[in-house]
Amino acid sequence: MAIQITRPGKNAIILEIPVMAAAGILGFGDTYRDLIQFEKLGAFVTNPVTYSPWKPATGNRVVELPSGTLVHTGIPNPGISKVLAKYRGMWEAMAMPVIMHIAATTLEHARKCASRIDAESAVDGIELGLNDDIGWEEVEQIVSATVKNTEKPVLVRLPMTNAISLGHAAADAGASGLVVCAAPRGIARDPRNGQLLTGRIYGPLMKPVVLRLVQQLAEELHDVPIIGAGGIHSQQDARDYLEVGAKAVQVDTATWVNPKLLEYIARDLGGLVLTRASGALADEWHPGFGETERKAREDAQRKLDEDSKKTPTGR
């Protein structure tokens, strides 16, 4: 099975399985090694990296919400040079494409990071993370500058705000593919200290919103591969993204709750791409899944059959 998640080119990224963890979930590849079999995934996306070192956020970084979680990390990392020096050996040994997530803090830093990565055989592609308040003109500039400074494919992770227009801008500027999308920012009160904390919001509630964005962009940008990312907490969530046009998916904080979920989704979507017909029940391609779905559909069909036998008066 070959799943191309970037536009055609000599360095196009092709996956065997359309599943990966989102940036920031599995660190730089040295965490979760005892809990997750990385080789079961389609690709590895690194923690966000900046050109210069960034310190972690101070104080509490996580606030539990009724429908998810608010997370604020501050993108801690030692800078691209130290990250490459420390992890390139491990990445070269991975039996999958490695995609480095670059936080596009400035135009110049994005350009320098792209040039630095271009010479790295351990990295197969770039995922460019955009600021939430970025405009379409700045998107065109920063994506164009990144693309011009590397021959490796450049995926662009879009913010949720204005994702449609920014997706078009990124595609026009030469993006190899789009990741839809980054978790939105919000504010919540930390119950431990009573202070308000700003961070990104994760949880199942994100999925319906992001799913619609993926569908819209897939319909409007036929030649640009799209990776769906947001609110995936089950195999069915991931299948829904493929159904609306995504080529692959990224799983975020659900991995922290159940690390094995990544493997389950990877196994099931691997079979799904090969064997599942559109509209098929999960049981039709993977025994043991979707029993509730199947029973509900059978009950509904039985009721329709019974109703069709009745006269117009209901007798």
Protein backbone atom coordinates (compact mmCIF):
# COMPACT_ATOMS: atom_id res chain seq x y z
CA MET A 1 0.00 0.00 0.00
CA ALA A 2 1.33 3.44 -0.92
CA ILE A 3 -0.26 6.62 0.43
CA GLN A 4 1.26 9.84 -0.84
CA ILE A 5 0.77 12.68 1.64
CA THR A 6 2.62 15.33 -0.37
CA ARG A 7 2.39 16.62 -3.90
CA PRO A 8 4.30 14.63 -6.53
CA GLY A 9 8.06 15.20 -6.65
CA LYS A 10 11.35 13.41 -6.32
CA ASN A 11 11.20 13.66 -2.52
CA ALA A 12 7.47 13.03 -2.08
CA ILE A 13 6.56 11.39 1.22
CA ILE A 14 4.83 8.04 0.81
CA LEU A 15 3.38 6.16 3.76
CA GLU A 16 2.45 2.53 4.17
CA ILE A 17 -0.05 3.40 6.92
CA PRO A 18 -2.00 6.70 7.02
CA VAL A 19 -1.57 7.31 10.75
CA MET A 20 0.89 9.32 12.82
CA ALA A 21 1.00 11.17 16.11
CA ALA A 22 0.67 14.94 15.94
CA ALA A 23 3.64 17.18 16.62
CA GLY A 24 4.39 17.45 20.32
CA ILE A 25 2.78 14.15 21.29
CA LEU A 26 5.71 11.71 21.11
CA GLY A 27 8.53 14.13 21.82
CA PHE A 28 11.59 13.67 19.64
CA GLY A 29 11.19 9.90 19.52
CA ASP A 30 12.88 9.05 22.80
CA THR A 31 9.67 9.00 24.86
CA TYR A 32 6.90 6.41 24.77
CA ARG A 33 9.31 3.91 23.21
CA ASP A 34 8.32 1.32 25.82
CA LEU A 35 4.61 1.91 25.29
CA ILE A 36 4.25 2.33 21.52
CA GLN A 37 5.71 0.35 18.65
CA PHE A 38 6.76 3.21 16.41
CA GLU A 39 7.18 0.86 13.45
CA LYS A 40 3.40 0.35 13.45
CA LEU A 41 2.90 3.99 12.46
CA GLY A 42 3.10 5.59 9.05
CA ALA A 43 5.47 8.44 9.95
CA PHE A 44 7.02 10.21 12.91
CA VAL A 45 6.39 13.92 13.49
CA THR A 46 8.78 15.58 15.94
CA ASN A 47 8.13 18.00 18.73
CA PRO A 48 7.95 21.61 17.52
CA VAL A 49 11.43 23.04 16.94
CA THR A 50 12.54 26.67 16.73
CA TYR A 51 15.70 28.13 15.25
CA SER A 52 16.93 29.33 18.65
CA PRO A 53 16.34 27.68 22.05
CA TRP A 54 12.98 28.24 23.74
CA LYS A 55 12.34 27.79 27.45
CA PRO A 56 9.29 25.91 28.76
CA ALA A 57 6.29 27.72 30.15
CA THR A 58 6.35 28.30 33.90
CA GLY A 59 3.74 27.12 36.37
CA ASN A 60 0.93 24.72 35.62
CA ARG A 61 0.67 23.71 31.98
CA VAL A 62 -2.50 21.61 31.90
CA VAL A 63 -6.09 22.41 32.88
CA GLU A 64 -8.79 19.77 32.65
CA LEU A 65 -11.97 20.95 30.91
CA PRO A 66 -15.46 19.40 30.91
CA SER A 67 -15.00 18.47 27.25
CA GLY A 68 -11.25 18.19 26.89
CA THR A 69 -7.96 19.64 28.03
CA LEU A 70 -6.19 22.98 27.80
CA VAL A 71 -2.41 22.65 27.36
CA HIS A 72 0.28 25.34 27.45
CA THR A 73 3.91 24.26 27.03
CA GLY A 74 5.72 27.27 25.59
CA ILE A 75 7.30 25.04 22.88
CA PRO A 76 10.40 24.13 24.93
CA ASN A 77 13.30 22.97 22.78
CA PRO A 78 17.07 23.52 22.61
CA GLY A 79 17.02 24.92 19.07
CA ILE A 80 17.33 23.17 15.74
CA SER A 81 21.11 22.62 15.78
CA LYS A 82 21.11 20.83 19.14
CA VAL A 83 18.00 18.83 18.26
CA LEU A 84 19.58 17.54 15.07
CA ALA A 85 22.86 16.76 16.79
CA LYS A 86 21.13 14.75 19.50
CA TYR A 87 18.47 12.88 17.55
CA ARG A 88 19.59 12.46 13.93
CA GLY A 89 21.11 9.04 14.66
CA MET A 90 17.88 7.74 16.15
CA TRP A 91 15.80 9.18 13.32
CA GLU A 92 18.02 7.61 10.67
CA ALA A 93 17.34 4.22 12.26
CA MET A 94 13.56 4.66 12.11
CA ALA A 95 11.82 2.55 9.50
CA MET A 96 9.46 5.35 8.52
CA PRO A 97 9.57 8.92 7.22
CA VAL A 98 10.60 11.52 9.81
CA ILE A 99 8.92 14.92 9.57
CA MET A 100 10.37 17.78 11.60
CA HIS A 101 7.84 20.28 12.86
CA ILE A 102 9.19 23.82 12.60
CA ALA A 103 7.46 26.61 14.52
CA ALA A 104 7.45 29.49 12.06
CA THR A 105 8.24 32.22 14.56
CA THR A 106 9.69 34.60 11.95
CA LEU A 107 10.25 34.59 8.20
CA GLU A 108 14.03 34.58 8.61
CA HIS A 109 14.00 31.74 11.12
CA ALA A 110 11.75 29.64 8.89
CA ARG A 111 14.16 30.19 6.00
CA LYS A 112 17.19 29.25 8.11
CA CYS A 113 15.50 26.14 9.50
CA ALA A 114 14.58 24.98 6.00
CA SER A 115 18.17 25.40 4.81
CA ARG A 116 19.44 23.51 7.83
CA ILE A 117 17.04 20.61 7.32
CA ASP A 118 17.72 20.42 3.60
CA ALA A 119 21.16 18.93 4.29
CA GLU A 120 19.84 16.34 6.77
CA SER A 121 19.37 12.81 5.46
CA ALA A 122 17.64 11.84 8.72
CA VAL A 123 14.71 14.18 8.02
CA ASP A 124 12.33 13.45 5.14
CA GLY A 125 10.14 16.51 5.30
CA ILE A 126 9.07 19.65 7.15
CA GLU A 127 5.82 20.44 8.88
CA LEU A 128 5.56 24.21 9.17
CA GLY A 129 3.46 25.42 12.08
CA LEU A 130 1.89 28.84 11.56
CA ASN A 131 0.98 31.44 14.17
CA ASP A 132 -2.71 31.61 15.02
CA ASP A 133 -3.09 35.28 14.10
CA ILE A 134 -1.24 35.08 10.79
CA GLY A 135 -2.70 36.68 7.64
CA TRP A 136 -2.80 35.19 4.15
CA GLU A 137 -0.11 37.52 2.78
CA GLU A 138 2.29 36.49 5.54
CA VAL A 139 1.41 32.84 4.90
CA GLU A 140 2.39 33.21 1.26
CA GLN A 141 5.68 34.86 2.23
CA ILE A 142 6.73 32.40 4.91
CA VAL A 143 5.68 29.28 2.99
CA SER A 144 7.34 30.50 -0.18
CA ALA A 145 10.57 31.29 1.69
CA THR A 146 10.58 27.86 3.31
CA VAL A 147 9.91 26.00 0.07
CA LYS A 148 12.64 27.91 -1.78
CA ASN A 149 15.25 26.91 0.79
CA THR A 150 14.76 23.16 0.71
CA GLU A 151 14.10 20.36 -1.74
CA LYS A 152 12.28 18.41 0.93
CA PRO A 153 8.47 18.53 0.92
CA VAL A 154 6.89 21.16 3.17
CA LEU A 155 3.61 20.38 4.90
CA VAL A 156 1.85 23.40 6.39
CA ARG A 157 -0.14 23.02 9.59
CA LEU A 158 -2.95 25.55 9.48
CA PRO A 159 -4.47 27.40 12.42
CA MET A 160 -8.19 26.77 12.87
CA THR A 161 -9.03 30.45 12.40
CA ASN A 162 -9.36 31.26 8.69
CA ALA A 163 -8.14 27.77 7.80
CA ILE A 164 -9.84 27.77 4.41
CA SER A 165 -8.35 31.02 3.08
CA LEU A 166 -4.96 30.30 4.66
CA GLY A 167 -4.99 26.82 3.14
CA HIS A 168 -5.42 28.32 -0.32
CA ALA A 169 -2.62 30.80 0.37
CA ALA A 170 -0.27 28.04 1.52
CA ALA A 171 -1.10 25.89 -1.50
CA ASP A 172 -0.51 28.80 -3.89
CA ALA A 173 2.86 29.44 -2.21
CA GLY A 174 4.02 25.89 -2.90
CA ALA A 175 3.02 23.83 0.14
CA SER A 176 3.40 20.12 -0.53
CA GLY A 177 0.41 19.31 1.68
CA LEU A 178 -1.75 20.67 4.47
CA VAL A 179 -2.27 19.55 8.05
CA VAL A 180 -5.74 20.60 9.17
CA CYS A 181 -5.41 21.87 11.76
CA ALA A 182 -3.63 23.13 14.88
CA ALA A 183 -5.62 23.03 18.11
CA PRO A 184 -7.30 26.40 18.75
CA ARG A 185 -6.31 28.61 21.64
CA GLY A 186 -8.51 29.31 24.61
CA ILE A 187 -8.48 30.46 28.24
CA ALA A 188 -9.46 28.47 31.31
CA ARG A 189 -9.17 29.00 35.05
CA ASP A 190 -6.67 26.78 36.79
CA PRO A 191 -8.54 25.32 39.79
CA ARG A 192 -5.29 24.83 41.67
CA ASN A 193 -4.28 28.48 41.84
CA GLY A 194 -7.36 30.33 40.63
CA GLN A 195 -5.48 32.01 37.77
CA LEU A 196 -6.50 32.14 34.12
CA LEU A 197 -4.28 30.11 31.79
CA THR A 198 -4.01 30.48 28.02
CA GLY A 199 -3.31 27.41 25.94
CA ARG A 200 -4.46 25.09 23.18
CA ILE A 201 -7.70 23.18 23.53
CA TYR A 202 -7.81 19.46 22.81
CA GLY A 203 -10.64 16.98 22.99
CA PRO A 204 -13.35 15.09 21.08
CA LEU A 205 -15.36 18.29 20.61
CA MET A 206 -12.78 19.54 18.11
CA LYS A 207 -13.52 16.78 15.61
CA PRO A 208 -16.81 18.01 14.04
CA VAL A 209 -15.33 21.44 13.40
CA VAL A 210 -12.06 20.17 11.95
CA LEU A 211 -13.81 17.46 9.95
CA ARG A 212 -15.80 20.13 8.13
CA LEU A 213 -12.64 22.14 7.41
CA VAL A 214 -10.95 19.05 5.98
CA GLN A 215 -13.95 18.33 3.78
CA GLN A 216 -14.05 21.89 2.44
CA LEU A 217 -10.34 22.03 1.66
CA ALA A 218 -10.37 18.57 0.08
CA GLU A 219 -13.20 19.67 -2.21
CA GLU A 220 -11.52 22.95 -3.16
CA LEU A 221 -7.86 21.86 -3.42
CA HIS A 222 -7.96 18.63 -5.38
CA ASP A 223 -4.21 18.43 -6.01
CA VAL A 224 -3.08 19.13 -2.44
CA PRO A 225 -2.98 16.17 -0.01
CA ILE A 226 -4.59 16.88 3.35
CA ILE A 227 -3.87 15.34 6.74
CA GLY A 228 -6.73 15.51 9.22
CA ALA A 229 -5.85 16.38 12.81
CA GLY A 230 -8.24 17.16 15.61
CA GLY A 231 -10.37 15.33 18.15
CA ILE A 232 -9.50 11.79 17.09
CA HIS A 233 -10.27 9.48 20.01
CA SER A 234 -11.34 6.28 18.25
CA GLN A 235 -10.90 4.24 15.11
CA GLN A 236 -14.19 5.60 13.79
CA ASP A 237 -13.03 9.18 14.28
CA ALA A 238 -10.02 8.45 12.10
CA ARG A 239 -12.13 6.71 9.45
CA ASP A 240 -14.38 9.76 9.24
CA TYR A 241 -11.43 11.92 8.24
CA LEU A 242 -10.51 9.60 5.39
CA GLU A 243 -14.12 9.54 4.27
CA VAL A 244 -14.26 13.33 3.82
CA GLY A 245 -11.03 13.43 1.82
CA ALA A 246 -8.01 13.30 4.13
CA LYS A 247 -5.09 11.19 2.94
CA ALA A 248 -3.92 10.49 6.50
CA VAL A 249 -4.57 11.48 10.10
CA GLN A 250 -2.68 12.75 13.12
CA VAL A 251 -3.73 11.74 16.63
CA ASP A 252 -3.02 14.15 19.48
CA THR A 253 -3.75 14.04 23.22
CA ALA A 254 -5.77 10.81 23.11
CA THR A 255 -2.36 9.15 22.84
CA TRP A 256 -1.46 10.37 26.32
CA VAL A 257 -4.59 8.74 27.75
CA ASN A 258 -4.17 5.48 25.84
CA PRO A 259 -0.82 5.14 24.05
CA LYS A 260 -1.94 1.94 22.35
CA LEU A 261 -4.74 3.81 20.59
CA LEU A 262 -2.25 4.90 17.95
CA GLU A 263 -1.45 1.29 17.14
CA TYR A 264 -5.12 0.30 17.05
CA ILE A 265 -5.95 3.11 14.63
CA ALA A 266 -2.89 2.36 12.50
CA ARG A 267 -3.83 -1.31 12.25
CA ASP A 268 -7.43 -0.60 11.38
CA LEU A 269 -6.83 2.20 8.89
CA GLY A 270 -4.19 0.10 7.19
CA GLY A 271 -6.87 -2.50 6.49
CA LEU A 272 -9.48 0.16 5.81
CA VAL A 273 -7.57 1.73 2.93
CA LEU A 274 -7.08 -1.64 1.28
CA THR A 275 -10.39 -3.37 1.82
CA ARG A 276 -13.22 -1.22 3.12
CA ALA A 277 -15.85 -0.12 0.64
CA SER A 278 -17.43 3.29 1.05
CA GLY A 279 -20.28 3.10 3.56
CA ALA A 280 -19.32 -0.36 4.81
CA LEU A 281 -19.75 -1.22 8.45
CA ALA A 282 -16.64 -1.76 10.52
CA ASP A 283 -17.63 -5.44 10.94
CA GLU A 284 -17.49 -5.94 7.19
CA TRP A 285 -13.74 -5.43 7.16
CA HIS A 286 -12.59 -6.08 10.71
CA PRO A 287 -14.51 -8.61 12.85
CA GLY A 288 -15.15 -7.49 16.40
CA PHE A 289 -15.55 -3.79 15.70
CA GLY A 290 -18.77 -1.91 15.15
CA GLU A 291 -21.20 -4.37 16.78
CA THR A 292 -23.31 -1.50 18.05
CA GLU A 293 -23.34 0.13 14.62
CA ARG A 294 -24.38 -3.10 12.94
CA LYS A 295 -27.17 -3.82 15.41
CA ALA A 296 -28.51 -0.28 15.08
CA ARG A 297 -28.56 -0.55 11.29
CA GLU A 298 -30.20 -4.00 11.40
CA ASP A 299 -32.87 -2.75 13.82
CA ALA A 300 -33.57 0.27 11.64
CA GLN A 301 -33.86 -1.90 8.53
CA ARG A 302 -36.17 -4.33 10.34
CA LYS A 303 -38.44 -1.47 11.36
CA LEU A 304 -38.54 -0.18 7.79
CA ASP A 305 -39.45 -3.63 6.53
CA GLU A 306 -42.24 -3.90 9.08
CA ASP A 307 -43.58 -0.44 8.26
CA SER A 308 -43.58 -1.18 4.55
CA LYS A 309 -45.94 -4.12 5.15
CA LYS A 310 -48.52 -1.97 6.91
CA THR A 311 -51.45 -0.32 5.16
CA PRO A 312 -51.64 3.50 4.96
CA THR A 313 -54.03 3.39 7.95
CA GLY A 314 -51.42 1.62 10.03
CA ARG A 315 -53.39 -1.66 10.26
